[in-house]
Structure formats: C-alpha cells, structure tokens
C-alpha cells in the first residue's frame, strides 16, 4: 500500500529546504518577477524535461529531479505573488515567507488529497511523459489567462492551475524516487 500523504510530505520537505536555503542566499529577489515571468520560468523547466524525455539524452548534467523541484518552488512563489500583488515590499522577512510557503503547500496537498480520493490515485499508473505534458498544458492555460488579463468565462483561475502543476510535479518526484 502506497502512503501518498507521507511521500507527498517528503517531496515538499525537499523542495522547501532548498527554497529556504536559497532564500538565505538571495533573499526574496523573486519579488521582482511579474506573473508572466514566473509562468515562463515554469515553462522553461517543463520544456527541458520534455526535451530530455523525447531525446533520451541530455548535455547539461542537472537531472530532471531538480527541474521538478524548481517547478514546485516557482508554483509556490507564484501563489505567494498572487496573494501579495498589492504589497510593494521587495524584501520579505524569512518567517513570513516560510509561513506563506507552508500555507500554499498545505492548501495544495489538500487539493491533491481531494482529487486523489475521487480519481483513485490514477497518477500512479500514468507515464512520466503524461505528467510533463499535463504540466505544459497547464502552463499554456495560464499563459492564455494572463493574455486575457486574468479573465475567464468558465475556467479555473491561474491559482488552480499553479496548484495542479505543483501536484503533478510532486507526483513526478514520487515516481522518480520509485
């Protein structure tokens, strides 16, 4: 029996630890990034994963695990930026950022648990390439919503798409750990 909740927590802990270490090195320099720039950063990482999957080789040593970690952390940064869009501060206190990280990691995990209940952990039988394609599809959805100035008619907003990308990336990390 797989313990998805525990595996999820382990993956998020790995991502959070790296995020907080980088924050100690760089502060919150990411506060300068506009939502479209964050979306493009996620796109670059997902596109690299797809390219490596399709070519079967890579020339840059960094493995795809790091790319999935990057997607997760950029998704959380994006969710934080959405919340703080009217906050002019470029530098945020460490404790505040850690609290915001935890808030969005917890909300996203709850979404995963709700969907996992309904879908019966179907992601476990999915191919890695499908997870990558779903992340890219969500990125293109976010780009379209951004191009439409955030307006949707019947679709979820960008926050839901960031949460889905985060969850697909956690699933990928779990699958990579085997």
Protein backbone atom coordinates (compact mmCIF):
# COMPACT_ATOMS: atom_id res chain seq x y z
CA UNK A 1 0.00 0.00 0.00
CA UNK A 2 1.39 3.37 -1.01
CA UNK A 3 1.38 6.15 1.53
CA UNK A 4 0.81 9.10 -0.74
CA UNK A 5 0.44 11.60 2.08
CA UNK A 6 3.81 10.69 3.58
CA UNK A 7 5.52 10.59 0.17
CA UNK A 8 4.00 13.97 -0.64
CA UNK A 9 5.29 15.46 2.62
CA UNK A 10 8.77 14.08 1.93
CA UNK A 11 8.83 15.65 -1.54
CA UNK A 12 7.59 19.02 -0.26
CA UNK A 13 10.15 18.98 2.55
CA UNK A 14 12.92 18.51 -0.02
CA UNK A 15 11.60 21.43 -2.06
CA UNK A 16 11.04 23.67 0.94
CA UNK A 17 14.50 23.01 2.35
CA UNK A 18 16.10 24.07 -0.93
CA UNK A 19 13.79 27.08 -1.23
CA UNK A 20 14.64 28.33 2.26
CA UNK A 21 18.38 27.81 1.72
CA UNK A 22 18.20 29.82 -1.49
CA UNK A 23 16.23 32.47 0.34
CA UNK A 24 19.05 32.80 2.85
CA UNK A 25 21.47 33.22 -0.08
CA UNK A 26 19.35 35.52 -2.26
CA UNK A 27 16.62 36.97 -0.08
CA UNK A 28 13.31 37.45 -1.88
CA UNK A 29 14.76 38.70 -5.17
CA UNK A 30 11.90 36.79 -6.85
CA UNK A 31 9.54 39.55 -5.67
CA UNK A 32 10.71 41.44 -8.77
CA UNK A 33 9.26 38.80 -11.07
CA UNK A 34 5.96 39.55 -12.73
CA UNK A 35 3.40 36.74 -13.00
CA UNK A 36 4.22 36.25 -16.69
CA UNK A 37 7.92 35.84 -15.88
CA UNK A 38 7.14 33.19 -13.28
CA UNK A 39 4.98 31.33 -15.78
CA UNK A 40 7.84 31.44 -18.27
CA UNK A 41 10.28 30.08 -15.67
CA UNK A 42 7.97 27.12 -15.09
CA UNK A 43 7.64 26.69 -18.87
CA UNK A 44 11.43 26.59 -19.33
CA UNK A 45 11.78 23.85 -16.72
CA UNK A 46 8.90 21.75 -18.08
CA UNK A 47 10.12 22.19 -21.66
CA UNK A 48 13.61 20.96 -20.67
CA UNK A 49 12.06 17.88 -19.07
CA UNK A 50 10.06 17.16 -22.24
CA UNK A 51 13.11 17.68 -24.43
CA UNK A 52 15.16 15.23 -22.36
CA UNK A 53 12.30 12.70 -22.37
CA UNK A 54 11.98 12.92 -26.16
CA UNK A 55 15.71 12.91 -26.97
CA UNK A 56 16.59 10.29 -24.38
CA UNK A 57 19.81 12.17 -23.62
CA UNK A 58 20.94 15.41 -22.10
CA UNK A 59 24.04 17.57 -22.33
CA UNK A 60 23.60 19.60 -19.12
CA UNK A 61 24.40 17.48 -16.07
CA UNK A 62 21.48 18.70 -13.91
CA UNK A 63 18.95 15.90 -13.60
CA UNK A 64 15.22 16.33 -14.09
CA UNK A 65 14.55 15.92 -10.38
CA UNK A 66 15.91 19.44 -9.94
CA UNK A 67 13.61 20.71 -12.66
CA UNK A 68 10.55 19.29 -10.90
CA UNK A 69 11.73 20.83 -7.63
CA UNK A 70 12.08 24.14 -9.48
CA UNK A 71 8.55 23.87 -10.87
CA UNK A 72 7.18 23.21 -7.39
CA UNK A 73 9.00 26.16 -5.89
CA UNK A 74 8.10 28.52 -8.74
CA UNK A 75 4.44 27.47 -8.37
CA UNK A 76 4.55 28.35 -4.68
CA UNK A 77 6.30 31.63 -5.46
CA UNK A 78 3.55 32.35 -8.00
CA UNK A 79 0.83 31.68 -5.43
CA UNK A 80 2.61 33.94 -2.93
CA UNK A 81 2.98 36.66 -5.56
CA UNK A 82 -0.75 36.43 -6.34
CA UNK A 83 -1.54 36.98 -2.66
CA UNK A 84 0.95 39.83 -2.30
CA UNK A 85 0.27 41.52 -5.64
CA UNK A 86 -0.58 44.84 -3.94
CA UNK A 87 2.25 44.60 -1.40
CA UNK A 88 5.13 46.84 -2.56
CA UNK A 89 7.82 45.19 -0.41
CA UNK A 90 10.64 43.58 -2.36
CA UNK A 91 12.28 42.01 0.67
CA UNK A 92 10.13 39.90 2.96
CA UNK A 93 11.06 38.51 6.37
CA UNK A 94 12.19 34.88 6.38
CA UNK A 95 9.48 33.84 8.85
CA UNK A 96 6.71 35.41 6.77
CA UNK A 97 7.86 33.67 3.60
CA UNK A 98 8.18 30.34 5.38
CA UNK A 99 4.63 30.75 6.70
CA UNK A 100 3.33 31.58 3.21
CA UNK A 101 5.21 28.60 1.75
CA UNK A 102 3.61 26.32 4.34
CA UNK A 103 0.16 27.82 3.67
CA UNK A 104 0.29 27.07 -0.06
CA UNK A 105 1.96 23.69 0.35
CA UNK A 106 -0.84 22.72 2.77
CA UNK A 107 -3.62 24.03 0.51
CA UNK A 108 -2.16 22.25 -2.48
CA UNK A 109 -1.78 19.00 -0.57
CA UNK A 110 -5.44 19.21 0.47
CA UNK A 111 -6.40 19.65 -3.20
CA UNK A 112 -4.29 16.60 -4.07
CA UNK A 113 -5.96 14.53 -1.35
CA UNK A 114 -9.44 15.55 -2.53
CA UNK A 115 -8.65 14.74 -6.15
CA UNK A 116 -6.80 11.56 -5.19
CA UNK A 117 -9.94 10.40 -3.38
CA UNK A 118 -12.07 10.93 -6.46
CA UNK A 119 -9.56 9.65 -9.06
CA UNK A 120 -8.27 6.71 -7.04
CA UNK A 121 -4.58 7.56 -7.39
CA UNK A 122 -4.73 7.19 -11.17
CA UNK A 123 -1.50 9.21 -11.39
CA UNK A 124 0.44 6.17 -10.18
CA UNK A 125 -0.37 4.40 -13.46
CA UNK A 126 0.44 7.39 -15.63
CA UNK A 127 3.59 7.72 -17.69
CA UNK A 128 6.12 10.36 -16.68
CA UNK A 129 5.71 11.91 -20.12
CA UNK A 130 2.00 12.40 -19.43
CA UNK A 131 2.76 14.27 -16.22
CA UNK A 132 5.14 16.51 -18.18
CA UNK A 133 2.53 17.10 -20.89
CA UNK A 134 -0.12 17.97 -18.29
CA UNK A 135 2.23 20.49 -16.68
CA UNK A 136 2.88 22.07 -20.09
CA UNK A 137 -0.84 22.15 -20.87
CA UNK A 138 -1.49 23.95 -17.57
CA UNK A 139 1.30 26.42 -18.39
CA UNK A 140 -0.31 27.21 -21.74
CA UNK A 141 -3.64 27.67 -19.96
CA UNK A 142 -2.05 30.11 -17.52
CA UNK A 143 -0.40 31.99 -20.40
CA UNK A 144 -3.78 32.32 -22.11
CA UNK A 145 -5.44 33.56 -18.92
CA UNK A 146 -2.59 36.04 -18.46
CA UNK A 147 -3.01 37.21 -22.06
CA UNK A 148 -6.73 37.67 -21.28
CA UNK A 149 -5.81 39.92 -18.32
CA UNK A 150 -6.91 37.25 -15.83
CA UNK A 151 -10.44 36.97 -17.19
CA UNK A 152 -12.04 33.56 -17.64
CA UNK A 153 -15.58 32.65 -18.63
CA UNK A 154 -15.99 29.17 -17.14
CA UNK A 155 -12.45 28.09 -16.33
CA UNK A 156 -10.45 27.92 -13.13
CA UNK A 157 -8.09 30.77 -12.41
CA UNK A 158 -4.33 30.77 -12.51
CA UNK A 159 -4.07 29.75 -8.85
CA UNK A 160 -5.80 26.41 -9.50
CA UNK A 161 -3.51 25.78 -12.46
CA UNK A 162 -0.40 26.50 -10.36
CA UNK A 163 -1.67 24.06 -7.74
CA UNK A 164 -2.25 21.37 -10.37
CA UNK A 165 1.25 21.88 -11.82
CA UNK A 166 2.68 21.65 -8.32
CA UNK A 167 0.82 18.42 -7.65
CA UNK A 168 1.85 16.85 -10.99
CA UNK A 169 5.45 17.74 -10.15
CA UNK A 170 5.18 16.15 -6.70
CA UNK A 171 3.77 13.02 -8.34
CA UNK A 172 6.75 13.02 -10.71
CA UNK A 173 9.18 13.29 -7.79
CA UNK A 174 7.45 10.40 -6.03
CA UNK A 175 7.61 8.29 -9.19
CA UNK A 176 11.29 9.16 -9.74
CA UNK A 177 12.12 8.02 -6.20
CA UNK A 178 10.47 4.74 -7.19
